[in-house]
Amino acid sequence: MLKLSDVEMTAILDAAAPLPVERRDGFLQAVAASLQSYGEIGPGAIHRVCAEAQRAFFDPPDLSRSRDVSRWRR
């Protein structure tokens, strides 16, 4: 069983926030599975695991096909 402090859990949930709702469960499961392998869990481990999981679960928007035209570019 994984035991996390409120601060650690908040950091993980904050890292999940930018993800689409349908991918958050997978993200949280991946983070929990990765943290199981750490002997001691601290802020650094949580940051590393969340950053790695975000890369796997986050699809950045394609800004090259944006229809919004900046008022500065004409």
PDB file of N, CA and C in Angstrom:
ATOM      1  N   MET A   1       0.849  -1.182   0.000  1.00  0.00           N
ATOM      2  CA  MET A   1       0.000   0.000   0.000  1.00  0.00           C
ATOM      3  C   MET A   1       0.890   1.239   0.000  1.00  0.00           C
ATOM      4  N   LEU A   2       0.503   2.201  -0.773  1.00  0.00           N
ATOM      5  CA  LEU A   2       1.251   3.444  -0.916  1.00  0.00           C
ATOM      6  C   LEU A   2       0.681   4.494   0.031  1.00  0.00           C
ATOM      7  N   LYS A   3       1.527   5.031   0.887  1.00  0.00           N
ATOM      8  CA  LYS A   3       1.076   6.063   1.826  1.00  0.00           C
ATOM      9  C   LYS A   3       1.700   7.392   1.434  1.00  0.00           C
ATOM     10  N   LEU A   4       0.840   8.373   1.198  1.00  0.00           N
ATOM     11  CA  LEU A   4       1.287   9.703   0.791  1.00  0.00           C
ATOM     12  C   LEU A   4       0.713  10.747   1.735  1.00  0.00           C
ATOM     13  N   SER A   5       1.478  11.816   1.922  1.00  0.00           N
ATOM     14  CA  SER A   5       0.975  12.927   2.727  1.00  0.00           C
ATOM     15  C   SER A   5      -0.010  13.736   1.889  1.00  0.00           C
ATOM     16  N   ASP A   6      -0.718  14.623   2.528  1.00  0.00           N
ATOM     17  CA  ASP A   6      -1.651  15.500   1.806  1.00  0.00           C
ATOM     18  C   ASP A   6      -0.915  16.348   0.782  1.00  0.00           C
ATOM     19  N   VAL A   7       0.251  16.833   1.134  1.00  0.00           N
ATOM     20  CA  VAL A   7       1.043  17.663   0.217  1.00  0.00           C
ATOM     21  C   VAL A   7       1.485  16.848  -0.991  1.00  0.00           C
ATOM     22  N   GLU A   8       1.924  15.621  -0.773  1.00  0.00           N
ATOM     23  CA  GLU A   8       2.363  14.762  -1.876  1.00  0.00           C
ATOM     24  C   GLU A   8       1.183  14.416  -2.792  1.00  0.00           C
ATOM     25  N   MET A   9       0.052  14.101  -2.197  1.00  0.00           N
ATOM     26  CA  MET A   9      -1.135  13.774  -3.001  1.00  0.00           C
ATOM     27  C   MET A   9      -1.607  14.980  -3.791  1.00  0.00           C
ATOM     28  N   THR A  10      -1.547  16.148  -3.190  1.00  0.00           N
ATOM     29  CA  THR A  10      -1.933  17.380  -3.895  1.00  0.00           C
ATOM     30  C   THR A  10      -1.014  17.620  -5.089  1.00  0.00           C
ATOM     31  N   ALA A  11       0.288  17.377  -4.922  1.00  0.00           N
ATOM     32  CA  ALA A  11       1.236  17.554  -6.030  1.00  0.00           C
ATOM     33  C   ALA A  11       0.898  16.616  -7.186  1.00  0.00           C
ATOM     34  N   ILE A  12       0.527  15.389  -6.874  1.00  0.00           N
ATOM     35  CA  ILE A  12       0.180  14.420  -7.915  1.00  0.00           C
ATOM     36  C   ILE A  12      -1.120  14.826  -8.617  1.00  0.00           C
ATOM     37  N   LEU A  13      -2.108  15.240  -7.844  1.00  0.00           N
ATOM     38  CA  LEU A  13      -3.376  15.671  -8.447  1.00  0.00           C
ATOM     39  C   LEU A  13      -3.201  16.941  -9.270  1.00  0.00           C
ATOM     40  N   ASP A  14      -2.328  17.841  -8.831  1.00  0.00           N
ATOM     41  CA  ASP A  14      -2.025  19.043  -9.615  1.00  0.00           C
ATOM     42  C   ASP A  14      -1.368  18.671 -10.945  1.00  0.00           C
ATOM     43  N   ALA A  15      -0.515  17.650 -10.919  1.00  0.00           N
ATOM     44  CA  ALA A  15       0.129  17.200 -12.155  1.00  0.00           C
ATOM     45  C   ALA A  15      -0.876  16.546 -13.099  1.00  0.00           C
ATOM     46  N   ALA A  16      -1.931  15.974 -12.561  1.00  0.00           N
ATOM     47  CA  ALA A  16      -2.965  15.336 -13.389  1.00  0.00           C
ATOM     48  C   ALA A  16      -3.937  16.347 -13.984  1.00  0.00           C
ATOM     49  N   ALA A  17      -4.024  17.525 -13.404  1.00  0.00           N
ATOM     50  CA  ALA A  17      -5.030  18.517 -13.805  1.00  0.00           C
ATOM     51  C   ALA A  17      -4.990  18.895 -15.290  1.00  0.00           C
ATOM     52  N   PRO A  18      -3.821  19.079 -15.929  1.00  0.00           N
ATOM     53  CA  PRO A  18      -3.847  19.469 -17.342  1.00  0.00           C
ATOM     54  C   PRO A  18      -4.241  18.344 -18.300  1.00  0.00           C
ATOM     55  N   LEU A  19      -4.338  17.137 -17.799  1.00  0.00           N
ATOM     56  CA  LEU A  19      -4.668  16.001 -18.656  1.00  0.00           C
ATOM     57  C   LEU A  19      -6.168  15.943 -18.927  1.00  0.00           C
ATOM     58  N   PRO A  20      -6.553  15.379 -20.073  1.00  0.00           N
ATOM     59  CA  PRO A  20      -7.977  15.160 -20.314  1.00  0.00           C
ATOM     60  C   PRO A  20      -8.543  14.235 -19.238  1.00  0.00           C
ATOM     61  N   VAL A  21      -9.771  14.447 -18.859  1.00  0.00           N
ATOM     62  CA  VAL A  21     -10.403  13.688 -17.771  1.00  0.00           C
ATOM     63  C   VAL A  21     -10.301  12.183 -18.010  1.00  0.00           C
ATOM     64  N   GLU A  22     -10.473  11.753 -19.232  1.00  0.00           N
ATOM     65  CA  GLU A  22     -10.465  10.315 -19.518  1.00  0.00           C
ATOM     66  C   GLU A  22      -9.082   9.681 -19.385  1.00  0.00           C
ATOM     67  N   ARG A  23      -8.028  10.480 -19.287  1.00  0.00           N
ATOM     68  CA  ARG A  23      -6.669   9.940 -19.137  1.00  0.00           C
ATOM     69  C   ARG A  23      -6.135  10.038 -17.707  1.00  0.00           C
ATOM     70  N   ARG A  24      -6.845  10.716 -16.837  1.00  0.00           N
ATOM     71  CA  ARG A  24      -6.345  10.944 -15.481  1.00  0.00           C
ATOM     72  C   ARG A  24      -6.224   9.656 -14.674  1.00  0.00           C
ATOM     73  N   ASP A  25      -7.175   8.748 -14.814  1.00  0.00           N
ATOM     74  CA  ASP A  25      -7.111   7.497 -14.058  1.00  0.00           C
ATOM     75  C   ASP A  25      -5.862   6.710 -14.439  1.00  0.00           C
ATOM     76  N   GLY A  26      -5.590   6.616 -15.721  1.00  0.00           N
ATOM     77  CA  GLY A  26      -4.383   5.924 -16.183  1.00  0.00           C
ATOM     78  C   GLY A  26      -3.121   6.591 -15.674  1.00  0.00           C
ATOM     79  N   PHE A  27      -3.117   7.920 -15.680  1.00  0.00           N
ATOM     80  CA  PHE A  27      -1.983   8.682 -15.156  1.00  0.00           C
ATOM     81  C   PHE A  27      -1.762   8.360 -13.686  1.00  0.00           C
ATOM     82  N   LEU A  28      -2.825   8.410 -12.892  1.00  0.00           N
ATOM     83  CA  LEU A  28      -2.700   8.145 -11.451  1.00  0.00           C
ATOM     84  C   LEU A  28      -2.248   6.716 -11.185  1.00  0.00           C
ATOM     85  N   GLN A  29      -2.730   5.772 -11.964  1.00  0.00           N
ATOM     86  CA  GLN A  29      -2.292   4.390 -11.795  1.00  0.00           C
ATOM     87  C   GLN A  29      -0.818   4.233 -12.157  1.00  0.00           C
ATOM     88  N   ALA A  30      -0.382   4.896 -13.216  1.00  0.00           N
ATOM     89  CA  ALA A  30       1.028   4.827 -13.616  1.00  0.00           C
ATOM     90  C   ALA A  30       1.927   5.453 -12.551  1.00  0.00           C
ATOM     91  N   VAL A  31       1.500   6.587 -11.992  1.00  0.00           N
ATOM     92  CA  VAL A  31       2.277   7.247 -10.942  1.00  0.00           C
ATOM     93  C   VAL A  31       2.373   6.333  -9.720  1.00  0.00           C
ATOM     94  N   ALA A  32       1.259   5.749  -9.315  1.00  0.00           N
ATOM     95  CA  ALA A  32       1.258   4.860  -8.148  1.00  0.00           C
ATOM     96  C   ALA A  32       2.166   3.657  -8.383  1.00  0.00           C
ATOM     97  N   ALA A  33       2.096   3.066  -9.557  1.00  0.00           N
ATOM     98  CA  ALA A  33       2.930   1.904  -9.868  1.00  0.00           C
ATOM     99  C   ALA A  33       4.411   2.274  -9.847  1.00  0.00           C
ATOM    100  N   SER A  34       4.754   3.430 -10.394  1.00  0.00           N
ATOM    101  CA  SER A  34       6.154   3.867 -10.402  1.00  0.00           C
ATOM    102  C   SER A  34       6.661   4.178  -8.997  1.00  0.00           C
ATOM    103  N   LEU A  35       5.822   4.809  -8.199  1.00  0.00           N
ATOM    104  CA  LEU A  35       6.242   5.163  -6.839  1.00  0.00           C
ATOM    105  C   LEU A  35       6.436   3.929  -5.958  1.00  0.00           C
ATOM    106  N   GLN A  36       5.793   2.825  -6.293  1.00  0.00           N
ATOM    107  CA  GLN A  36       5.960   1.586  -5.530  1.00  0.00           C
ATOM    108  C   GLN A  36       7.415   1.126  -5.535  1.00  0.00           C
ATOM    109  N   SER A  37       8.136   1.434  -6.605  1.00  0.00           N
ATOM    110  CA  SER A  37       9.518   0.967  -6.721  1.00  0.00           C
ATOM    111  C   SER A  37      10.513   1.831  -5.941  1.00  0.00           C
ATOM    112  N   TYR A  38      10.075   2.977  -5.450  1.00  0.00           N
ATOM    113  CA  TYR A  38      10.956   3.863  -4.685  1.00  0.00           C
ATOM    114  C   TYR A  38      10.957   3.430  -3.222  1.00  0.00           C
ATOM    115  N   GLY A  39      12.145   3.354  -2.637  1.00  0.00           N
ATOM    116  CA  GLY A  39      12.247   3.011  -1.228  1.00  0.00           C
ATOM    117  C   GLY A  39      11.735   4.129  -0.342  1.00  0.00           C
ATOM    118  N   GLU A  40      12.140   5.332  -0.672  1.00  0.00           N
ATOM    119  CA  GLU A  40      11.709   6.502   0.093  1.00  0.00           C
ATOM    120  C   GLU A  40      11.087   7.502  -0.876  1.00  0.00           C
ATOM    121  N   ILE A  41       9.872   7.908  -0.583  1.00  0.00           N
ATOM    122  CA  ILE A  41       9.150   8.825  -1.457  1.00  0.00           C
ATOM    123  C   ILE A  41       9.263  10.233  -0.886  1.00  0.00           C
ATOM    124  N   GLY A  42       9.711  11.140  -1.738  1.00  0.00           N
ATOM    125  CA  GLY A  42       9.820  12.537  -1.349  1.00  0.00           C
ATOM    126  C   GLY A  42       9.444  13.411  -2.522  1.00  0.00           C
ATOM    127  N   PRO A  43       9.612  14.715  -2.372  1.00  0.00           N
ATOM    128  CA  PRO A  43       9.229  15.640  -3.446  1.00  0.00           C
ATOM    129  C   PRO A  43       9.953  15.365  -4.762  1.00  0.00           C
ATOM    130  N   GLY A  44      11.223  15.008  -4.702  1.00  0.00           N
ATOM    131  CA  GLY A  44      11.978  14.744  -5.929  1.00  0.00           C
ATOM    132  C   GLY A  44      11.458  13.538  -6.673  1.00  0.00           C
ATOM    133  N   ALA A  45      11.182  12.466  -5.947  1.00  0.00           N
ATOM    134  CA  ALA A  45      10.657  11.250  -6.573  1.00  0.00           C
ATOM    135  C   ALA A  45       9.291  11.516  -7.191  1.00  0.00           C
ATOM    136  N   ILE A  46       8.467  12.232  -6.487  1.00  0.00           N
ATOM    137  CA  ILE A  46       7.126  12.542  -7.005  1.00  0.00           C
ATOM    138  C   ILE A  46       7.231  13.396  -8.263  1.00  0.00           C
ATOM    139  N   HIS A  47       8.108  14.370  -8.244  1.00  0.00           N
ATOM    140  CA  HIS A  47       8.286  15.222  -9.429  1.00  0.00           C
ATOM    141  C   HIS A  47       8.759  14.401 -10.626  1.00  0.00           C
ATOM    142  N   ARG A  48       9.769  13.555 -10.430  1.00  0.00           N
ATOM    143  CA  ARG A  48      10.296  12.745 -11.535  1.00  0.00           C
ATOM    144  C   ARG A  48       9.224  11.809 -12.096  1.00  0.00           C
ATOM    145  N   VAL A  49       8.513  11.130 -11.215  1.00  0.00           N
ATOM    146  CA  VAL A  49       7.500  10.172 -11.659  1.00  0.00           C
ATOM    147  C   VAL A  49       6.351  10.886 -12.375  1.00  0.00           C
ATOM    148  N   CYS A  50       5.913  12.015 -11.836  1.00  0.00           N
ATOM    149  CA  CYS A  50       4.813  12.762 -12.473  1.00  0.00           C
ATOM    150  C   CYS A  50       5.233  13.318 -13.831  1.00  0.00           C
ATOM    151  N   ALA A  51       6.459  13.827 -13.923  1.00  0.00           N
ATOM    152  CA  ALA A  51       6.935  14.369 -15.204  1.00  0.00           C
ATOM    153  C   ALA A  51       6.984  13.270 -16.259  1.00  0.00           C
ATOM    154  N   GLU A  52       7.461  12.094 -15.879  1.00  0.00           N
ATOM    155  CA  GLU A  52       7.529  10.973 -16.817  1.00  0.00           C
ATOM    156  C   GLU A  52       6.125  10.532 -17.239  1.00  0.00           C
ATOM    157  N   ALA A  53       5.227  10.444 -16.288  1.00  0.00           N
ATOM    158  CA  ALA A  53       3.853  10.030 -16.604  1.00  0.00           C
ATOM    159  C   ALA A  53       3.131  11.078 -17.450  1.00  0.00           C
ATOM    160  N   GLN A  54       3.395  12.357 -17.202  1.00  0.00           N
ATOM    161  CA  GLN A  54       2.773  13.401 -18.019  1.00  0.00           C
ATOM    162  C   GLN A  54       3.201  13.270 -19.473  1.00  0.00           C
ATOM    163  N   ARG A  55       4.472  12.977 -19.702  1.00  0.00           N
ATOM    164  CA  ARG A  55       4.938  12.812 -21.084  1.00  0.00           C
ATOM    165  C   ARG A  55       4.211  11.664 -21.771  1.00  0.00           C
ATOM    166  N   ALA A  56       3.851  10.648 -21.017  1.00  0.00           N
ATOM    167  CA  ALA A  56       3.162   9.495 -21.601  1.00  0.00           C
ATOM    168  C   ALA A  56       1.669   9.745 -21.823  1.00  0.00           C
ATOM    169  N   PHE A  57       1.055  10.589 -20.997  1.00  0.00           N
ATOM    170  CA  PHE A  57      -0.404  10.743 -21.042  1.00  0.00           C
ATOM    171  C   PHE A  57      -0.877  12.080 -21.611  1.00  0.00           C
ATOM    172  N   PHE A  58       0.006  13.030 -21.849  1.00  0.00           N
ATOM    173  CA  PHE A  58      -0.407  14.351 -22.323  1.00  0.00           C
ATOM    174  C   PHE A  58      -0.110  14.495 -23.810  1.00  0.00           C
ATOM    175  N   ASP A  59      -1.109  14.874 -24.564  1.00  0.00           N
ATOM    176  CA  ASP A  59      -0.932  15.185 -25.981  1.00  0.00           C
ATOM    177  C   ASP A  59      -1.054  16.693 -26.131  1.00  0.00           C
ATOM    178  N   PRO A  60       0.058  17.376 -26.398  1.00  0.00           N
ATOM    179  CA  PRO A  60      -0.033  18.828 -26.531  1.00  0.00           C
ATOM    180  C   PRO A  60      -0.871  19.214 -27.745  1.00  0.00           C
ATOM    181  N   PRO A  61      -1.530  20.357 -27.663  1.00  0.00           N
ATOM    182  CA  PRO A  61      -2.341  20.787 -28.806  1.00  0.00           C
ATOM    183  C   PRO A  61      -1.453  21.137 -29.995  1.00  0.00           C
ATOM    184  N   ASP A  62      -1.980  20.934 -31.171  1.00  0.00           N
ATOM    185  CA  ASP A  62      -1.260  21.276 -32.400  1.00  0.00           C
ATOM    186  C   ASP A  62      -1.530  22.741 -32.714  1.00  0.00           C
ATOM    187  N   LEU A  63      -0.617  23.588 -32.333  1.00  0.00           N
ATOM    188  CA  LEU A  63      -0.807  25.023 -32.525  1.00  0.00           C
ATOM    189  C   LEU A  63      -0.518  25.472 -33.955  1.00  0.00           C
ATOM    190  N   SER A  64       0.067  24.607 -34.749  1.00  0.00           N
ATOM    191  CA  SER A  64       0.370  24.983 -36.127  1.00  0.00           C
ATOM    192  C   SER A  64      -0.899  25.075 -36.975  1.00  0.00           C
ATOM    193  N   ARG A  65      -1.983  24.453 -36.516  1.00  0.00           N
ATOM    194  CA  ARG A  65      -3.233  24.491 -37.282  1.00  0.00           C
ATOM    195  C   ARG A  65      -4.278  25.354 -36.598  1.00  0.00           C
ATOM    196  N   SER A  66      -3.837  26.267 -35.783  1.00  0.00           N
ATOM    197  CA  SER A  66      -4.764  27.135 -35.065  1.00  0.00           C
ATOM    198  C   SER A  66      -5.426  28.107 -36.035  1.00  0.00           C
ATOM    199  N   ARG A  67      -6.712  28.309 -35.853  1.00  0.00           N
ATOM    200  CA  ARG A  67      -7.443  29.249 -36.703  1.00  0.00           C
ATOM    201  C   ARG A  67      -7.407  30.665 -36.138  1.00  0.00           C
ATOM    202  N   ASP A  68      -7.027  30.753 -34.874  1.00  0.00           N
ATOM    203  CA  ASP A  68      -6.954  32.073 -34.269  1.00  0.00           C
ATOM    204  C   ASP A  68      -5.741  32.809 -34.825  1.00  0.00           C
ATOM    205  N   VAL A  69      -5.990  33.966 -35.381  1.00  0.00           N
ATOM    206  CA  VAL A  69      -4.908  34.768 -35.929  1.00  0.00           C
ATOM    207  C   VAL A  69      -4.640  35.895 -34.944  1.00  0.00           C
ATOM    208  N   SER A  70      -3.405  35.998 -34.582  1.00  0.00           N
ATOM    209  CA  SER A  70      -3.018  37.049 -33.668  1.00  0.00           C
ATOM    210  C   SER A  70      -3.279  38.398 -34.308  1.00  0.00           C
ATOM    211  N   ARG A  71      -3.683  39.326 -33.489  1.00  0.00           N
ATOM    212  CA  ARG A  71      -3.922  40.663 -34.037  1.00  0.00           C
ATOM    213  C   ARG A  71      -2.604  41.340 -34.408  1.00  0.00           C
ATOM    214  N   TRP A  72      -1.510  40.767 -33.977  1.00  0.00           N
ATOM    215  CA  TRP A  72      -0.195  41.343 -34.294  1.00  0.00           C
ATOM    216  C   TRP A  72       0.348  40.823 -35.612  1.00  0.00           C
ATOM    217  N   ARG A  73      -0.201  39.715 -36.094  1.00  0.00           N
ATOM    218  CA  ARG A  73       0.224  39.173 -37.386  1.00  0.00           C
ATOM    219  C   ARG A  73      -0.875  39.405 -38.397  1.00  0.00           C
ATOM    220  N   ARG A  74      -0.521  39.999 -39.466  1.00  0.00           N
ATOM    221  CA  ARG A  74      -1.527  40.243 -40.519  1.00  0.00           C
ATOM    222  C   ARG A  74      -0.917  40.043 -41.868  1.00  0.00           C
TER     223      ARG A  74
END
